[in-house]
PDB file of N, CA and C in Angstrom:
ATOM      1  N   MET A   1     109.982 120.528 104.746  1.00  0.00           N
ATOM      2  CA  MET A   1     110.153 120.670 103.299  1.00  0.00           C
ATOM      3  C   MET A   1     109.111 121.632 102.726  1.00  0.00           C
ATOM      4  N   SER A   2     109.509 122.434 101.795  1.00  0.00           N
ATOM      5  CA  SER A   2     108.571 123.359 101.184  1.00  0.00           C
ATOM      6  C   SER A   2     107.899 122.684  99.990  1.00  0.00           C
ATOM      7  N   SER A   3     106.784 123.250  99.567  1.00  0.00           N
ATOM      8  CA  SER A   3     106.050 122.683  98.444  1.00  0.00           C
ATOM      9  C   SER A   3     106.834 122.886  97.155  1.00  0.00           C
ATOM     10  N   GLU A   4     106.639 121.977  96.227  1.00  0.00           N
ATOM     11  CA  GLU A   4     107.292 122.088  94.929  1.00  0.00           C
ATOM     12  C   GLU A   4     106.262 122.482  93.876  1.00  0.00           C
ATOM     13  N   PRO A   5     106.710 123.167  92.815  1.00  0.00           N
ATOM     14  CA  PRO A   5     105.785 123.487  91.731  1.00  0.00           C
ATOM     15  C   PRO A   5     105.517 122.256  90.875  1.00  0.00           C
ATOM     16  N   CYS A   6     104.306 122.145  90.368  1.00  0.00           N
ATOM     17  CA  CYS A   6     103.952 121.024  89.508  1.00  0.00           C
ATOM     18  C   CYS A   6     104.675 121.152  88.176  1.00  0.00           C
ATOM     19  N   PRO A   7     105.353 120.083  87.723  1.00  0.00           N
ATOM     20  CA  PRO A   7     106.071 120.126  86.439  1.00  0.00           C
ATOM     21  C   PRO A   7     105.117 120.178  85.250  1.00  0.00           C
ATOM     22  N   SER A   8     103.857 119.857  85.483  1.00  0.00           N
ATOM     23  CA  SER A   8     102.887 119.842  84.397  1.00  0.00           C
ATOM     24  C   SER A   8     102.236 121.206  84.187  1.00  0.00           C
ATOM     25  N   CYS A   9     101.719 121.800  85.285  1.00  0.00           N
ATOM     26  CA  CYS A   9     100.982 123.058  85.127  1.00  0.00           C
ATOM     27  C   CYS A   9     101.567 124.208  85.929  1.00  0.00           C
ATOM     28  N   GLY A  10     102.547 123.909  86.809  1.00  0.00           N
ATOM     29  CA  GLY A  10     103.159 124.966  87.595  1.00  0.00           C
ATOM     30  C   GLY A  10     102.427 125.257  88.893  1.00  0.00           C
ATOM     31  N   GLY A  11     101.364 124.510  89.144  1.00  0.00           N
ATOM     32  CA  GLY A  11     100.611 124.694  90.380  1.00  0.00           C
ATOM     33  C   GLY A  11     101.338 124.088  91.566  1.00  0.00           C
ATOM     34  N   GLN A  12     100.717 124.151  92.724  1.00  0.00           N
ATOM     35  CA  GLN A  12     101.363 123.659  93.942  1.00  0.00           C
ATOM     36  C   GLN A  12     101.144 122.163  94.111  1.00  0.00           C
ATOM     37  N   LEU A  13     102.251 121.437  94.338  1.00  0.00           N
ATOM     38  CA  LEU A  13     102.149 120.012  94.609  1.00  0.00           C
ATOM     39  C   LEU A  13     101.953 119.789  96.093  1.00  0.00           C
ATOM     40  N   ALA A  14     101.086 118.854  96.429  1.00  0.00           N
ATOM     41  CA  ALA A  14     100.907 118.448  97.819  1.00  0.00           C
ATOM     42  C   ALA A  14     101.427 117.024  97.946  1.00  0.00           C
ATOM     43  N   VAL A  15     102.062 116.715  99.084  1.00  0.00           N
ATOM     44  CA  VAL A  15     102.580 115.367  99.293  1.00  0.00           C
ATOM     45  C   VAL A  15     101.667 114.650 100.274  1.00  0.00           C
ATOM     46  N   ASN A  16     101.122 113.499  99.851  1.00  0.00           N
ATOM     47  CA  ASN A  16     100.233 112.779 100.754  1.00  0.00           C
ATOM     48  C   ASN A  16     101.036 111.863 101.665  1.00  0.00           C
ATOM     49  N   GLN A  17     100.359 111.158 102.554  1.00  0.00           N
ATOM     50  CA  GLN A  17     101.072 110.378 103.568  1.00  0.00           C
ATOM     51  C   GLN A  17     101.809 109.181 102.983  1.00  0.00           C
ATOM     52  N   ASP A  18     101.487 108.810 101.736  1.00  0.00           N
ATOM     53  CA  ASP A  18     102.204 107.719 101.081  1.00  0.00           C
ATOM     54  C   ASP A  18     103.434 108.222 100.337  1.00  0.00           C
ATOM     55  N   GLY A  19     103.624 109.545 100.313  1.00  0.00           N
ATOM     56  CA  GLY A  19     104.794 110.112  99.663  1.00  0.00           C
ATOM     57  C   GLY A  19     104.551 110.548  98.229  1.00  0.00           C
ATOM     58  N   TRP A  20     103.326 110.373  97.739  1.00  0.00           N
ATOM     59  CA  TRP A  20     103.013 110.800  96.382  1.00  0.00           C
ATOM     60  C   TRP A  20     102.883 112.313  96.323  1.00  0.00           C
ATOM     61  N   LYS A  21     103.435 112.901  95.262  1.00  0.00           N
ATOM     62  CA  LYS A  21     103.264 114.341  95.047  1.00  0.00           C
ATOM     63  C   LYS A  21     102.081 114.514  94.098  1.00  0.00           C
ATOM     64  N   ILE A  22     101.059 115.221  94.563  1.00  0.00           N
ATOM     65  CA  ILE A  22      99.835 115.351  93.790  1.00  0.00           C
ATOM     66  C   ILE A  22      99.494 116.815  93.571  1.00  0.00           C
ATOM     67  N   CYS A  23      99.180 117.161  92.323  1.00  0.00           N
ATOM     68  CA  CYS A  23      98.758 118.522  92.007  1.00  0.00           C
ATOM     69  C   CYS A  23      97.243 118.568  91.955  1.00  0.00           C
ATOM     70  N   HIS A  24      96.646 119.383  92.824  1.00  0.00           N
ATOM     71  CA  HIS A  24      95.191 119.456  92.855  1.00  0.00           C
ATOM     72  C   HIS A  24      94.649 120.307  91.706  1.00  0.00           C
ATOM     73  N   SER A  25      95.527 121.039  91.029  1.00  0.00           N
ATOM     74  CA  SER A  25      95.065 121.893  89.938  1.00  0.00           C
ATOM     75  C   SER A  25      94.834 121.097  88.655  1.00  0.00           C
ATOM     76  N   CYS A  26      95.801 120.233  88.299  1.00  0.00           N
ATOM     77  CA  CYS A  26      95.689 119.525  87.020  1.00  0.00           C
ATOM     78  C   CYS A  26      95.592 118.011  87.186  1.00  0.00           C
ATOM     79  N   GLY A  27      95.788 117.518  88.410  1.00  0.00           N
ATOM     80  CA  GLY A  27      95.652 116.081  88.637  1.00  0.00           C
ATOM     81  C   GLY A  27      96.952 115.314  88.460  1.00  0.00           C
ATOM     82  N   TYR A  28      98.059 116.032  88.235  1.00  0.00           N
ATOM     83  CA  TYR A  28      99.358 115.371  88.110  1.00  0.00           C
ATOM     84  C   TYR A  28      99.693 114.635  89.397  1.00  0.00           C
ATOM     85  N   ALA A  29     100.265 113.431  89.259  1.00  0.00           N
ATOM     86  CA  ALA A  29     100.684 112.682  90.439  1.00  0.00           C
ATOM     87  C   ALA A  29     102.034 112.044  90.174  1.00  0.00           C
ATOM     88  N   SER A  30     102.955 112.184  91.133  1.00  0.00           N
ATOM     89  CA  SER A  30     104.284 111.607  91.006  1.00  0.00           C
ATOM     90  C   SER A  30     104.526 110.649  92.164  1.00  0.00           C
ATOM     91  N   PRO A  31     104.862 109.385  91.864  1.00  0.00           N
ATOM     92  CA  PRO A  31     105.114 108.426  92.937  1.00  0.00           C
ATOM     93  C   PRO A  31     106.348 108.796  93.734  1.00  0.00           C
ATOM     94  N   PRO A  32     106.492 108.247  94.943  1.00  0.00           N
ATOM     95  CA  PRO A  32     107.650 108.546  95.785  1.00  0.00           C
ATOM     96  C   PRO A  32     108.950 108.246  95.048  1.00  0.00           C
ATOM     97  N   GLY A  33     109.958 109.106  95.206  1.00  0.00           N
ATOM     98  CA  GLY A  33     111.205 108.939  94.476  1.00  0.00           C
ATOM     99  C   GLY A  33     112.251 108.137  95.225  1.00  0.00           C
ATOM    100  N   VAL A  34     111.923 107.674  96.428  1.00  0.00           N
ATOM    101  CA  VAL A  34     112.907 106.951  97.225  1.00  0.00           C
ATOM    102  C   VAL A  34     113.184 105.593  96.593  1.00  0.00           C
ATOM    103  N   VAL A  35     112.138 104.824  96.361  1.00  0.00           N
ATOM    104  CA  VAL A  35     112.260 103.536  95.686  1.00  0.00           C
ATOM    105  C   VAL A  35     111.097 103.410  94.715  1.00  0.00           C
ATOM    106  N   PRO A  36     111.266 102.663  93.625  1.00  0.00           N
ATOM    107  CA  PRO A  36     110.128 102.432  92.734  1.00  0.00           C
ATOM    108  C   PRO A  36     109.052 101.666  93.491  1.00  0.00           C
ATOM    109  N   ALA A  37     107.902 102.280  93.688  1.00  0.00           N
ATOM    110  CA  ALA A  37     106.861 101.655  94.492  1.00  0.00           C
ATOM    111  C   ALA A  37     106.079 100.633  93.671  1.00  0.00           C
ATOM    112  N   PRO A  38     106.030  99.403  94.148  1.00  0.00           N
ATOM    113  CA  PRO A  38     105.221  98.386  93.468  1.00  0.00           C
ATOM    114  C   PRO A  38     103.740  98.639  93.709  1.00  0.00           C
ATOM    115  N   SER A  39     102.880  97.952  92.983  1.00  0.00           N
ATOM    116  CA  SER A  39     101.446  98.138  93.157  1.00  0.00           C
ATOM    117  C   SER A  39     100.983  97.584  94.493  1.00  0.00           C
ATOM    118  N   LEU A  40     101.637  96.521  94.950  1.00  0.00           N
ATOM    119  CA  LEU A  40     101.270  95.943  96.231  1.00  0.00           C
ATOM    120  C   LEU A  40     101.731  96.849  97.362  1.00  0.00           C
ATOM    121  N   PRO A  41     100.943  96.949  98.438  1.00  0.00           N
ATOM    122  CA  PRO A  41     101.340  97.793  99.570  1.00  0.00           C
ATOM    123  C   PRO A  41     102.589  97.250 100.263  1.00  0.00           C
ATOM    124  N   ALA A  42     103.507  98.138 100.587  1.00  0.00           N
ATOM    125  CA  ALA A  42     104.718  97.733 101.297  1.00  0.00           C
ATOM    126  C   ALA A  42     104.400  97.536 102.769  1.00  0.00           C
ATOM    127  N   GLN A  43     105.294  96.894 103.479  1.00  0.00           N
ATOM    128  CA  GLN A  43     105.076  96.718 104.922  1.00  0.00           C
ATOM    129  C   GLN A  43     105.104  98.069 105.615  1.00  0.00           C
ATOM    130  N   SER A  44     104.230  98.231 106.603  1.00  0.00           N
ATOM    131  CA  SER A  44     104.150  99.530 107.268  1.00  0.00           C
ATOM    132  C   SER A  44     104.230  99.374 108.770  1.00  0.00           C
TER     133      SER A  44
END
């Protein structure tokens, strides 16, 4: 998968191992879009 532009500042989003899309330029973070992630850790 290629990187996506940040919807907030247009910078490059990085995806961490938990699936969160994080922009290192402005601090924007988007949770994984597969399922609404609860605060508690899911089984791994």
